[in-house]
Amino acid sequence: MFAAVPVNGHQLLVQWDALWQGPPPPEVAAAGMQGARIGWQMNGFAGAWGGSEYIYRGFKISPCKSLADFQSILDNGLNLGGQYIEVQVPSAINPNWQPAFQEAHQRLQLVAI
């Protein structure tokens, strides 16, 4: 846990590398409350070549089966105050997820970074 987050002109970024539909570690939120910019990397459970297209269901990891599944991961990151979301390349170029990215991009445009 962070005792203090030294921030110099909002230069510090704190990222969690397993974004999913559930809550993040409290350390990330605490860093954000202390002035750090927070962001997320979508989970890479499928590896660098498989993408970020996995969700937790009852303590099991399974592929996203719909746009709503994938959107729920992005929405969670934005709703938790993320100012950026890092996405694995296979997911970024998957045409099935483009509507989710467009919606997330519009929401991020409203955040002053």
PDB file of N, CA and C in Angstrom:
ATOM      1  N   MET A   1       0.845  -1.168   0.000  1.00  0.00           N
ATOM      2  CA  MET A   1       0.000   0.000   0.000  1.00  0.00           C
ATOM      3  C   MET A   1       0.894   1.237   0.000  1.00  0.00           C
ATOM      4  N   PHE A   2       0.443   2.290  -0.663  1.00  0.00           N
ATOM      5  CA  PHE A   2       1.203   3.527  -0.738  1.00  0.00           C
ATOM      6  C   PHE A   2       1.047   4.319   0.550  1.00  0.00           C
ATOM      7  N   ALA A   3       2.174   4.685   1.159  1.00  0.00           N
ATOM      8  CA  ALA A   3       2.112   5.571   2.319  1.00  0.00           C
ATOM      9  C   ALA A   3       1.943   7.006   1.846  1.00  0.00           C
ATOM     10  N   ALA A   4       2.618   7.333   0.773  1.00  0.00           N
ATOM     11  CA  ALA A   4       2.505   8.666   0.178  1.00  0.00           C
ATOM     12  C   ALA A   4       2.897   8.544  -1.283  1.00  0.00           C
ATOM     13  N   VAL A   5       2.286   9.320  -2.100  1.00  0.00           N
ATOM     14  CA  VAL A   5       2.591   9.302  -3.529  1.00  0.00           C
ATOM     15  C   VAL A   5       3.201  10.649  -3.885  1.00  0.00           C
ATOM     16  N   PRO A   6       4.504  10.678  -4.129  1.00  0.00           N
ATOM     17  CA  PRO A   6       5.107  11.949  -4.513  1.00  0.00           C
ATOM     18  C   PRO A   6       4.699  12.306  -5.941  1.00  0.00           C
ATOM     19  N   VAL A   7       4.100  13.450  -6.097  1.00  0.00           N
ATOM     20  CA  VAL A   7       3.630  13.879  -7.404  1.00  0.00           C
ATOM     21  C   VAL A   7       4.283  15.207  -7.734  1.00  0.00           C
ATOM     22  N   ASN A   8       4.912  15.266  -8.879  1.00  0.00           N
ATOM     23  CA  ASN A   8       5.559  16.491  -9.337  1.00  0.00           C
ATOM     24  C   ASN A   8       4.864  16.929 -10.606  1.00  0.00           C
ATOM     25  N   GLY A   9       3.964  17.873 -10.495  1.00  0.00           N
ATOM     26  CA  GLY A   9       3.250  18.335 -11.690  1.00  0.00           C
ATOM     27  C   GLY A   9       2.415  17.260 -12.343  1.00  0.00           C
ATOM     28  N   HIS A  10       1.834  16.377 -11.537  1.00  0.00           N
ATOM     29  CA  HIS A  10       0.987  15.282 -12.051  1.00  0.00           C
ATOM     30  C   HIS A  10       1.749  14.391 -13.025  1.00  0.00           C
ATOM     31  N   GLN A  11       2.984  14.087 -12.708  1.00  0.00           N
ATOM     32  CA  GLN A  11       3.806  13.235 -13.559  1.00  0.00           C
ATOM     33  C   GLN A  11       3.658  11.746 -13.232  1.00  0.00           C
ATOM     34  N   LEU A  12       3.271  11.423 -12.009  1.00  0.00           N
ATOM     35  CA  LEU A  12       3.211  10.033 -11.597  1.00  0.00           C
ATOM     36  C   LEU A  12       1.952   9.363 -12.131  1.00  0.00           C
ATOM     37  N   LEU A  13       2.142   8.188 -12.731  1.00  0.00           N
ATOM     38  CA  LEU A  13       1.029   7.357 -13.184  1.00  0.00           C
ATOM     39  C   LEU A  13       1.064   6.063 -12.399  1.00  0.00           C
ATOM     40  N   VAL A  14      -0.080   5.600 -11.968  1.00  0.00           N
ATOM     41  CA  VAL A  14      -0.181   4.319 -11.291  1.00  0.00           C
ATOM     42  C   VAL A  14      -1.153   3.467 -12.097  1.00  0.00           C
ATOM     43  N   GLN A  15      -0.710   2.262 -12.457  1.00  0.00           N
ATOM     44  CA  GLN A  15      -1.490   1.404 -13.348  1.00  0.00           C
ATOM     45  C   GLN A  15      -1.649   0.029 -12.730  1.00  0.00           C
ATOM     46  N   TRP A  16      -2.826  -0.556 -12.933  1.00  0.00           N
ATOM     47  CA  TRP A  16      -3.073  -1.949 -12.565  1.00  0.00           C
ATOM     48  C   TRP A  16      -3.182  -2.740 -13.851  1.00  0.00           C
ATOM     49  N   ASP A  17      -2.487  -3.885 -13.920  1.00  0.00           N
ATOM     50  CA  ASP A  17      -2.357  -4.636 -15.162  1.00  0.00           C
ATOM     51  C   ASP A  17      -3.297  -5.816 -15.312  1.00  0.00           C
ATOM     52  N   ALA A  18      -4.443  -5.773 -14.732  1.00  0.00           N
ATOM     53  CA  ALA A  18      -5.380  -6.883 -14.900  1.00  0.00           C
ATOM     54  C   ALA A  18      -6.815  -6.372 -14.788  1.00  0.00           C
ATOM     55  N   LEU A  19      -7.145  -5.362 -15.578  1.00  0.00           N
ATOM     56  CA  LEU A  19      -8.483  -4.785 -15.528  1.00  0.00           C
ATOM     57  C   LEU A  19      -9.521  -5.838 -15.897  1.00  0.00           C
ATOM     58  N   TRP A  20     -10.560  -5.897 -15.096  1.00  0.00           N
ATOM     59  CA  TRP A  20     -11.681  -6.805 -15.324  1.00  0.00           C
ATOM     60  C   TRP A  20     -12.936  -6.109 -14.860  1.00  0.00           C
ATOM     61  N   GLN A  21     -14.018  -6.830 -14.596  1.00  0.00           N
ATOM     62  CA  GLN A  21     -15.272  -6.196 -14.194  1.00  0.00           C
ATOM     63  C   GLN A  21     -15.353  -5.921 -12.700  1.00  0.00           C
ATOM     64  N   GLY A  22     -14.437  -6.445 -11.918  1.00  0.00           N
ATOM     65  CA  GLY A  22     -14.486  -6.282 -10.474  1.00  0.00           C
ATOM     66  C   GLY A  22     -13.653  -5.107  -9.993  1.00  0.00           C
ATOM     67  N   PRO A  23     -13.560  -4.962  -8.681  1.00  0.00           N
ATOM     68  CA  PRO A  23     -12.818  -3.830  -8.121  1.00  0.00           C
ATOM     69  C   PRO A  23     -11.311  -4.002  -8.291  1.00  0.00           C
ATOM     70  N   PRO A  24     -10.608  -2.886  -8.391  1.00  0.00           N
ATOM     71  CA  PRO A  24      -9.149  -2.941  -8.486  1.00  0.00           C
ATOM     72  C   PRO A  24      -8.544  -3.033  -7.091  1.00  0.00           C
ATOM     73  N   PRO A  25      -7.250  -3.228  -7.011  1.00  0.00           N
ATOM     74  CA  PRO A  25      -6.617  -3.193  -5.690  1.00  0.00           C
ATOM     75  C   PRO A  25      -6.809  -1.810  -5.064  1.00  0.00           C
ATOM     76  N   PRO A  26      -7.031  -1.751  -3.769  1.00  0.00           N
ATOM     77  CA  PRO A  26      -7.262  -0.456  -3.121  1.00  0.00           C
ATOM     78  C   PRO A  26      -6.067   0.485  -3.243  1.00  0.00           C
ATOM     79  N   GLU A  27      -4.882  -0.050  -3.474  1.00  0.00           N
ATOM     80  CA  GLU A  27      -3.697   0.789  -3.611  1.00  0.00           C
ATOM     81  C   GLU A  27      -3.798   1.738  -4.799  1.00  0.00           C
ATOM     82  N   VAL A  28      -4.426   1.289  -5.876  1.00  0.00           N
ATOM     83  CA  VAL A  28      -4.561   2.134  -7.055  1.00  0.00           C
ATOM     84  C   VAL A  28      -5.482   3.314  -6.750  1.00  0.00           C
ATOM     85  N   ALA A  29      -6.621   3.021  -6.160  1.00  0.00           N
ATOM     86  CA  ALA A  29      -7.553   4.093  -5.800  1.00  0.00           C
ATOM     87  C   ALA A  29      -6.910   5.050  -4.803  1.00  0.00           C
ATOM     88  N   ALA A  30      -6.151   4.518  -3.844  1.00  0.00           N
ATOM     89  CA  ALA A  30      -5.481   5.365  -2.850  1.00  0.00           C
ATOM     90  C   ALA A  30      -4.473   6.282  -3.528  1.00  0.00           C
ATOM     91  N   ALA A  31      -3.736   5.763  -4.489  1.00  0.00           N
ATOM     92  CA  ALA A  31      -2.780   6.601  -5.215  1.00  0.00           C
ATOM     93  C   ALA A  31      -3.497   7.716  -5.961  1.00  0.00           C
ATOM     94  N   GLY A  32      -4.640   7.404  -6.550  1.00  0.00           N
ATOM     95  CA  GLY A  32      -5.430   8.415  -7.242  1.00  0.00           C
ATOM     96  C   GLY A  32      -5.913   9.499  -6.297  1.00  0.00           C
ATOM     97  N   MET A  33      -6.312   9.109  -5.103  1.00  0.00           N
ATOM     98  CA  MET A  33      -6.788  10.093  -4.130  1.00  0.00           C
ATOM     99  C   MET A  33      -5.645  10.971  -3.615  1.00  0.00           C
ATOM    100  N   GLN A  34      -4.409  10.486  -3.780  1.00  0.00           N
ATOM    101  CA  GLN A  34      -3.258  11.258  -3.336  1.00  0.00           C
ATOM    102  C   GLN A  34      -2.637  12.067  -4.472  1.00  0.00           C
ATOM    103  N   GLY A  35      -3.277  12.076  -5.633  1.00  0.00           N
ATOM    104  CA  GLY A  35      -2.835  12.936  -6.713  1.00  0.00           C
ATOM    105  C   GLY A  35      -2.246  12.268  -7.929  1.00  0.00           C
ATOM    106  N   ALA A  36      -2.026  10.971  -7.888  1.00  0.00           N
ATOM    107  CA  ALA A  36      -1.480  10.283  -9.062  1.00  0.00           C
ATOM    108  C   ALA A  36      -2.566  10.128 -10.118  1.00  0.00           C
ATOM    109  N   ARG A  37      -2.162  10.096 -11.361  1.00  0.00           N
ATOM    110  CA  ARG A  37      -3.086   9.734 -12.438  1.00  0.00           C
ATOM    111  C   ARG A  37      -3.170   8.221 -12.467  1.00  0.00           C
ATOM    112  N   ILE A  38      -4.365   7.710 -12.549  1.00  0.00           N
ATOM    113  CA  ILE A  38      -4.495   6.258 -12.553  1.00  0.00           C
ATOM    114  C   ILE A  38      -5.009   5.776 -13.905  1.00  0.00           C
ATOM    115  N   GLY A  39      -4.618   4.572 -14.230  1.00  0.00           N
ATOM    116  CA  GLY A  39      -5.032   3.966 -15.482  1.00  0.00           C
ATOM    117  C   GLY A  39      -4.967   2.460 -15.353  1.00  0.00           C
ATOM    118  N   TRP A  40      -5.339   1.810 -16.404  1.00  0.00           N
ATOM    119  CA  TRP A  40      -5.473   0.359 -16.365  1.00  0.00           C
ATOM    120  C   TRP A  40      -4.906  -0.254 -17.630  1.00  0.00           C
ATOM    121  N   GLN A  41      -4.408  -1.450 -17.485  1.00  0.00           N
ATOM    122  CA  GLN A  41      -4.107  -2.286 -18.635  1.00  0.00           C
ATOM    123  C   GLN A  41      -5.146  -3.391 -18.606  1.00  0.00           C
ATOM    124  N   MET A  42      -5.819  -3.579 -19.721  1.00  0.00           N
ATOM    125  CA  MET A  42      -6.778  -4.678 -19.771  1.00  0.00           C
ATOM    126  C   MET A  42      -6.020  -5.974 -19.559  1.00  0.00           C
ATOM    127  N   ASN A  43      -6.680  -6.937 -18.962  1.00  0.00           N
ATOM    128  CA  ASN A  43      -6.020  -8.197 -18.651  1.00  0.00           C
ATOM    129  C   ASN A  43      -5.439  -8.830 -19.900  1.00  0.00           C
ATOM    130  N   GLY A  44      -4.336  -9.502 -19.740  1.00  0.00           N
ATOM    131  CA  GLY A  44      -3.681 -10.182 -20.844  1.00  0.00           C
ATOM    132  C   GLY A  44      -3.686 -11.679 -20.654  1.00  0.00           C
ATOM    133  N   PHE A  45      -4.802 -12.204 -20.176  1.00  0.00           N
ATOM    134  CA  PHE A  45      -4.848 -13.622 -19.849  1.00  0.00           C
ATOM    135  C   PHE A  45      -4.630 -14.514 -21.066  1.00  0.00           C
ATOM    136  N   ALA A  46      -4.883 -14.003 -22.247  1.00  0.00           N
ATOM    137  CA  ALA A  46      -4.661 -14.802 -23.454  1.00  0.00           C
ATOM    138  C   ALA A  46      -3.253 -14.624 -23.989  1.00  0.00           C
ATOM    139  N   GLY A  47      -2.427 -13.853 -23.289  1.00  0.00           N
ATOM    140  CA  GLY A  47      -1.054 -13.619 -23.738  1.00  0.00           C
ATOM    141  C   GLY A  47      -0.997 -12.523 -24.783  1.00  0.00           C
ATOM    142  N   ALA A  48       0.217 -12.154 -25.138  1.00  0.00           N
ATOM    143  CA  ALA A  48       0.425 -11.050 -26.077  1.00  0.00           C
ATOM    144  C   ALA A  48      -0.251 -11.292 -27.418  1.00  0.00           C
ATOM    145  N   TRP A  49      -0.413 -12.539 -27.793  1.00  0.00           N
ATOM    146  CA  TRP A  49      -1.010 -12.831 -29.101  1.00  0.00           C
ATOM    147  C   TRP A  49      -2.508 -13.090 -29.014  1.00  0.00           C
ATOM    148  N   GLY A  50      -3.022 -13.249 -27.804  1.00  0.00           N
ATOM    149  CA  GLY A  50      -4.428 -13.583 -27.650  1.00  0.00           C
ATOM    150  C   GLY A  50      -5.326 -12.416 -27.313  1.00  0.00           C
ATOM    151  N   GLY A  51      -4.761 -11.354 -26.790  1.00  0.00           N
ATOM    152  CA  GLY A  51      -5.568 -10.179 -26.505  1.00  0.00           C
ATOM    153  C   GLY A  51      -6.119 -10.114 -25.096  1.00  0.00           C
ATOM    154  N   SER A  52      -6.985  -9.145 -24.896  1.00  0.00           N
ATOM    155  CA  SER A  52      -7.540  -8.814 -23.582  1.00  0.00           C
ATOM    156  C   SER A  52      -8.975  -9.279 -23.451  1.00  0.00           C
ATOM    157  N   GLU A  53      -9.331 -10.267 -24.167  1.00  0.00           N
ATOM    158  CA  GLU A  53     -10.737 -10.609 -24.312  1.00  0.00           C
ATOM    159  C   GLU A  53     -11.204 -11.658 -23.318  1.00  0.00           C
ATOM    160  N   TYR A  54     -10.794 -11.510 -22.051  1.00  0.00           N
ATOM    161  CA  TYR A  54     -11.173 -12.490 -21.046  1.00  0.00           C
ATOM    162  C   TYR A  54     -11.817 -11.799 -19.858  1.00  0.00           C
ATOM    163  N   ILE A  55     -12.804 -12.460 -19.291  1.00  0.00           N
ATOM    164  CA  ILE A  55     -13.505 -11.940 -18.124  1.00  0.00           C
ATOM    165  C   ILE A  55     -13.539 -13.030 -17.050  1.00  0.00           C
ATOM    166  N   TYR A  56     -13.819 -12.599 -15.827  1.00  0.00           N
ATOM    167  CA  TYR A  56     -13.988 -13.544 -14.725  1.00  0.00           C
ATOM    168  C   TYR A  56     -15.460 -13.859 -14.574  1.00  0.00           C
ATOM    169  N   ARG A  57     -15.748 -15.116 -14.468  1.00  0.00           N
ATOM    170  CA  ARG A  57     -17.118 -15.550 -14.168  1.00  0.00           C
ATOM    171  C   ARG A  57     -17.024 -16.627 -13.104  1.00  0.00           C
ATOM    172  N   GLY A  58     -17.428 -16.284 -11.912  1.00  0.00           N
ATOM    173  CA  GLY A  58     -17.391 -17.267 -10.838  1.00  0.00           C
ATOM    174  C   GLY A  58     -16.009 -17.823 -10.577  1.00  0.00           C
ATOM    175  N   PHE A  59     -15.021 -16.950 -10.526  1.00  0.00           N
ATOM    176  CA  PHE A  59     -13.630 -17.311 -10.286  1.00  0.00           C
ATOM    177  C   PHE A  59     -13.016 -18.123 -11.417  1.00  0.00           C
ATOM    178  N   LYS A  60     -13.620 -18.079 -12.579  1.00  0.00           N
ATOM    179  CA  LYS A  60     -13.054 -18.733 -13.757  1.00  0.00           C
ATOM    180  C   LYS A  60     -12.860 -17.688 -14.838  1.00  0.00           C
ATOM    181  N   ILE A  61     -11.793 -17.835 -15.578  1.00  0.00           N
ATOM    182  CA  ILE A  61     -11.505 -16.917 -16.674  1.00  0.00           C
ATOM    183  C   ILE A  61     -12.091 -17.513 -17.944  1.00  0.00           C
ATOM    184  N   SER A  62     -12.840 -16.694 -18.674  1.00  0.00           N
ATOM    185  CA  SER A  62     -13.423 -17.160 -19.930  1.00  0.00           C
ATOM    186  C   SER A  62     -13.385 -16.028 -20.948  1.00  0.00           C
ATOM    187  N   PRO A  63     -13.380 -16.372 -22.230  1.00  0.00           N
ATOM    188  CA  PRO A  63     -13.359 -15.332 -23.256  1.00  0.00           C
ATOM    189  C   PRO A  63     -14.638 -14.506 -23.242  1.00  0.00           C
ATOM    190  N   CYS A  64     -14.513 -13.254 -23.641  1.00  0.00           N
ATOM    191  CA  CYS A  64     -15.700 -12.426 -23.835  1.00  0.00           C
ATOM    192  C   CYS A  64     -16.544 -13.072 -24.922  1.00  0.00           C
ATOM    193  N   LYS A  65     -17.816 -13.201 -24.662  1.00  0.00           N
ATOM    194  CA  LYS A  65     -18.704 -13.834 -25.632  1.00  0.00           C
ATOM    195  C   LYS A  65     -19.532 -12.821 -26.409  1.00  0.00           C
ATOM    196  N   SER A  66     -19.442 -11.557 -25.994  1.00  0.00           N
ATOM    197  CA  SER A  66     -20.255 -10.543 -26.655  1.00  0.00           C
ATOM    198  C   SER A  66     -19.591  -9.175 -26.512  1.00  0.00           C
ATOM    199  N   LEU A  67     -20.108  -8.237 -27.289  1.00  0.00           N
ATOM    200  CA  LEU A  67     -19.653  -6.856 -27.174  1.00  0.00           C
ATOM    201  C   LEU A  67     -19.939  -6.339 -25.765  1.00  0.00           C
ATOM    202  N   ALA A  68     -21.051  -6.724 -25.179  1.00  0.00           N
ATOM    203  CA  ALA A  68     -21.392  -6.281 -23.817  1.00  0.00           C
ATOM    204  C   ALA A  68     -20.358  -6.771 -22.801  1.00  0.00           C
ATOM    205  N   ASP A  69     -19.865  -8.001 -22.963  1.00  0.00           N
ATOM    206  CA  ASP A  69     -18.810  -8.502 -22.078  1.00  0.00           C
ATOM    207  C   ASP A  69     -17.579  -7.612 -22.167  1.00  0.00           C
ATOM    208  N   PHE A  70     -17.138  -7.364 -23.390  1.00  0.00           N
ATOM    209  CA  PHE A  70     -15.931  -6.564 -23.597  1.00  0.00           C
ATOM    210  C   PHE A  70     -16.148  -5.133 -23.109  1.00  0.00           C
ATOM    211  N   GLN A  71     -17.308  -4.579 -23.420  1.00  0.00           N
ATOM    212  CA  GLN A  71     -17.635  -3.214 -23.003  1.00  0.00           C
ATOM    213  C   GLN A  71     -17.612  -3.104 -21.481  1.00  0.00           C
ATOM    214  N   SER A  72     -18.039  -4.157 -20.782  1.00  0.00           N
ATOM    215  CA  SER A  72     -18.078  -4.103 -19.321  1.00  0.00           C
ATOM    216  C   SER A  72     -16.689  -3.912 -18.728  1.00  0.00           C
ATOM    217  N   ILE A  73     -15.660  -4.452 -19.384  1.00  0.00           N
ATOM    218  CA  ILE A  73     -14.292  -4.268 -18.898  1.00  0.00           C
ATOM    219  C   ILE A  73     -13.866  -2.813 -19.083  1.00  0.00           C
ATOM    220  N   LEU A  74     -14.083  -2.258 -20.275  1.00  0.00           N
ATOM    221  CA  LEU A  74     -13.730  -0.853 -20.519  1.00  0.00           C
ATOM    222  C   LEU A  74     -14.513   0.081 -19.604  1.00  0.00           C
ATOM    223  N   ASP A  75     -15.810  -0.164 -19.471  1.00  0.00           N
ATOM    224  CA  ASP A  75     -16.647   0.682 -18.614  1.00  0.00           C
ATOM    225  C   ASP A  75     -16.135   0.672 -17.181  1.00  0.00           C
ATOM    226  N   ASN A  76     -15.734  -0.491 -16.693  1.00  0.00           N
ATOM    227  CA  ASN A  76     -15.241  -0.580 -15.330  1.00  0.00           C
ATOM    228  C   ASN A  76     -14.008   0.306 -15.142  1.00  0.00           C
ATOM    229  N   GLY A  77     -13.081   0.251 -16.083  1.00  0.00           N
ATOM    230  CA  GLY A  77     -11.886   1.084 -15.979  1.00  0.00           C
ATOM    231  C   GLY A  77     -12.196   2.568 -15.979  1.00  0.00           C
ATOM    232  N   LEU A  78     -13.135   2.978 -16.806  1.00  0.00           N
ATOM    233  CA  LEU A  78     -13.514   4.389 -16.863  1.00  0.00           C
ATOM    234  C   LEU A  78     -14.295   4.789 -15.615  1.00  0.00           C
ATOM    235  N   ASN A  79     -15.199   3.934 -15.169  1.00  0.00           N
ATOM    236  CA  ASN A  79     -15.999   4.238 -13.983  1.00  0.00           C
ATOM    237  C   ASN A  79     -15.147   4.304 -12.719  1.00  0.00           C
ATOM    238  N   LEU A  80     -14.017   3.617 -12.724  1.00  0.00           N
ATOM    239  CA  LEU A  80     -13.117   3.630 -11.572  1.00  0.00           C
ATOM    240  C   LEU A  80     -12.112   4.778 -11.636  1.00  0.00           C
ATOM    241  N   GLY A  81     -12.313   5.699 -12.577  1.00  0.00           N
ATOM    242  CA  GLY A  81     -11.480   6.893 -12.634  1.00  0.00           C
ATOM    243  C   GLY A  81     -10.262   6.797 -13.521  1.00  0.00           C
ATOM    244  N   GLY A  82     -10.158   5.735 -14.303  1.00  0.00           N
ATOM    245  CA  GLY A  82      -9.010   5.598 -15.187  1.00  0.00           C
ATOM    246  C   GLY A  82      -8.948   6.715 -16.212  1.00  0.00           C
ATOM    247  N   GLN A  83      -7.755   7.276 -16.387  1.00  0.00           N
ATOM    248  CA  GLN A  83      -7.560   8.330 -17.369  1.00  0.00           C
ATOM    249  C   GLN A  83      -6.960   7.788 -18.660  1.00  0.00           C
ATOM    250  N   TYR A  84      -6.628   6.531 -18.644  1.00  0.00           N
ATOM    251  CA  TYR A  84      -6.195   5.838 -19.856  1.00  0.00           C
ATOM    252  C   TYR A  84      -6.417   4.347 -19.637  1.00  0.00           C
ATOM    253  N   ILE A  85      -6.548   3.620 -20.733  1.00  0.00           N
ATOM    254  CA  ILE A  85      -6.671   2.165 -20.679  1.00  0.00           C
ATOM    255  C   ILE A  85      -5.752   1.593 -21.744  1.00  0.00           C
ATOM    256  N   GLU A  86      -4.853   0.737 -21.324  1.00  0.00           N
ATOM    257  CA  GLU A  86      -3.925   0.075 -22.235  1.00  0.00           C
ATOM    258  C   GLU A  86      -4.572  -1.233 -22.684  1.00  0.00           C
ATOM    259  N   VAL A  87      -4.522  -1.493 -23.986  1.00  0.00           N
ATOM    260  CA  VAL A  87      -5.212  -2.648 -24.558  1.00  0.00           C
ATOM    261  C   VAL A  87      -4.202  -3.485 -25.347  1.00  0.00           C
ATOM    262  N   GLN A  88      -4.334  -4.798 -25.265  1.00  0.00           N
ATOM    263  CA  GLN A  88      -3.486  -5.700 -26.052  1.00  0.00           C
ATOM    264  C   GLN A  88      -3.818  -5.541 -27.537  1.00  0.00           C
ATOM    265  N   VAL A  89      -2.803  -5.640 -28.396  1.00  0.00           N
ATOM    266  CA  VAL A  89      -2.972  -5.404 -29.838  1.00  0.00           C
ATOM    267  C   VAL A  89      -4.066  -6.272 -30.461  1.00  0.00           C
ATOM    268  N   PRO A  90      -4.116  -7.579 -30.209  1.00  0.00           N
ATOM    269  CA  PRO A  90      -5.174  -8.366 -30.858  1.00  0.00           C
ATOM    270  C   PRO A  90      -6.578  -7.848 -30.552  1.00  0.00           C
ATOM    271  N   SER A  91      -6.787  -7.351 -29.335  1.00  0.00           N
ATOM    272  CA  SER A  91      -8.091  -6.800 -28.992  1.00  0.00           C
ATOM    273  C   SER A  91      -8.314  -5.457 -29.673  1.00  0.00           C
ATOM    274  N   ALA A  92      -7.248  -4.663 -29.758  1.00  0.00           N
ATOM    275  CA  ALA A  92      -7.371  -3.327 -30.355  1.00  0.00           C
ATOM    276  C   ALA A  92      -7.757  -3.394 -31.830  1.00  0.00           C
ATOM    277  N   ILE A  93      -7.344  -4.435 -32.517  1.00  0.00           N
ATOM    278  CA  ILE A  93      -7.644  -4.529 -33.949  1.00  0.00           C
ATOM    279  C   ILE A  93      -8.830  -5.444 -34.254  1.00  0.00           C
ATOM    280  N   ASN A  94      -9.413  -6.020 -33.222  1.00  0.00           N
ATOM    281  CA  ASN A  94     -10.569  -6.904 -33.413  1.00  0.00           C
ATOM    282  C   ASN A  94     -11.782  -6.051 -33.799  1.00  0.00           C
ATOM    283  N   PRO A  95     -12.335  -6.242 -35.000  1.00  0.00           N
ATOM    284  CA  PRO A  95     -13.457  -5.403 -35.432  1.00  0.00           C
ATOM    285  C   PRO A  95     -14.709  -5.559 -34.560  1.00  0.00           C
ATOM    286  N   ASN A  96     -14.838  -6.675 -33.861  1.00  0.00           N
ATOM    287  CA  ASN A  96     -15.999  -6.877 -32.990  1.00  0.00           C
ATOM    288  C   ASN A  96     -16.043  -5.895 -31.830  1.00  0.00           C
ATOM    289  N   TRP A  97     -14.864  -5.388 -31.431  1.00  0.00           N
ATOM    290  CA  TRP A  97     -14.801  -4.526 -30.246  1.00  0.00           C
ATOM    291  C   TRP A  97     -14.745  -3.043 -30.591  1.00  0.00           C
ATOM    292  N   GLN A  98     -14.758  -2.697 -31.866  1.00  0.00           N
ATOM    293  CA  GLN A  98     -14.636  -1.295 -32.259  1.00  0.00           C
ATOM    294  C   GLN A  98     -15.728  -0.392 -31.664  1.00  0.00           C
ATOM    295  N   PRO A  99     -16.992  -0.823 -31.600  1.00  0.00           N
ATOM    296  CA  PRO A  99     -17.997   0.041 -30.962  1.00  0.00           C
ATOM    297  C   PRO A  99     -17.668   0.345 -29.493  1.00  0.00           C
ATOM    298  N   ALA A 100     -17.104  -0.628 -28.786  1.00  0.00           N
ATOM    299  CA  ALA A 100     -16.723  -0.406 -27.383  1.00  0.00           C
ATOM    300  C   ALA A 100     -15.606   0.626 -27.300  1.00  0.00           C
ATOM    301  N   PHE A 101     -14.634   0.545 -28.209  1.00  0.00           N
ATOM    302  CA  PHE A 101     -13.539   1.517 -28.206  1.00  0.00           C
ATOM    303  C   PHE A 101     -14.029   2.913 -28.553  1.00  0.00           C
ATOM    304  N   GLN A 102     -14.952   3.003 -29.497  1.00  0.00           N
ATOM    305  CA  GLN A 102     -15.483   4.321 -29.865  1.00  0.00           C
ATOM    306  C   GLN A 102     -16.197   4.968 -28.689  1.00  0.00           C
ATOM    307  N   GLU A 103     -16.983   4.182 -27.976  1.00  0.00           N
ATOM    308  CA  GLU A 103     -17.698   4.716 -26.818  1.00  0.00           C
ATOM    309  C   GLU A 103     -16.714   5.136 -25.727  1.00  0.00           C
ATOM    310  N   ALA A 104     -15.704   4.302 -25.462  1.00  0.00           N
ATOM    311  CA  ALA A 104     -14.705   4.630 -24.441  1.00  0.00           C
ATOM    312  C   ALA A 104     -13.915   5.875 -24.834  1.00  0.00           C
ATOM    313  N   HIS A 105     -13.570   5.981 -26.095  1.00  0.00           N
ATOM    314  CA  HIS A 105     -12.825   7.156 -26.576  1.00  0.00           C
ATOM    315  C   HIS A 105     -13.636   8.436 -26.348  1.00  0.00           C
ATOM    316  N   GLN A 106     -14.916   8.393 -26.641  1.00  0.00           N
ATOM    317  CA  GLN A 106     -15.763   9.570 -26.422  1.00  0.00           C
ATOM    318  C   GLN A 106     -15.791   9.936 -24.947  1.00  0.00           C
ATOM    319  N   ARG A 107     -15.896   8.957 -24.080  1.00  0.00           N
ATOM    320  CA  ARG A 107     -15.910   9.234 -22.648  1.00  0.00           C
ATOM    321  C   ARG A 107     -14.578   9.812 -22.187  1.00  0.00           C
ATOM    322  N   LEU A 108     -13.468   9.286 -22.705  1.00  0.00           N
ATOM    323  CA  LEU A 108     -12.148   9.788 -22.306  1.00  0.00           C
ATOM    324  C   LEU A 108     -11.916  11.220 -22.787  1.00  0.00           C
ATOM    325  N   GLN A 109     -12.558  11.607 -23.873  1.00  0.00           N
ATOM    326  CA  GLN A 109     -12.419  12.981 -24.368  1.00  0.00           C
ATOM    327  C   GLN A 109     -12.965  13.973 -23.361  1.00  0.00           C
ATOM    328  N   LEU A 110     -13.858  13.521 -22.498  1.00  0.00           N
ATOM    329  CA  LEU A 110     -14.452  14.407 -21.501  1.00  0.00           C
ATOM    330  C   LEU A 110     -13.569  14.543 -20.262  1.00  0.00           C
ATOM    331  N   VAL A 111     -12.520  13.712 -20.165  1.00  0.00           N
ATOM    332  CA  VAL A 111     -11.624  13.743 -19.010  1.00  0.00           C
ATOM    333  C   VAL A 111     -10.438  14.642 -19.339  1.00  0.00           C
ATOM    334  N   ALA A 112     -10.179  15.611 -18.508  1.00  0.00           N
ATOM    335  CA  ALA A 112      -9.013  16.476 -18.695  1.00  0.00           C
ATOM    336  C   ALA A 112      -7.782  15.767 -18.174  1.00  0.00           C
ATOM    337  N   ILE A 113      -6.892  15.442 -19.080  1.00  0.00           N
ATOM    338  CA  ILE A 113      -5.672  14.719 -18.677  1.00  0.00           C
ATOM    339  C   ILE A 113      -4.535  15.711 -18.549  1.00  0.00           C
TER     340      ILE A 113
END
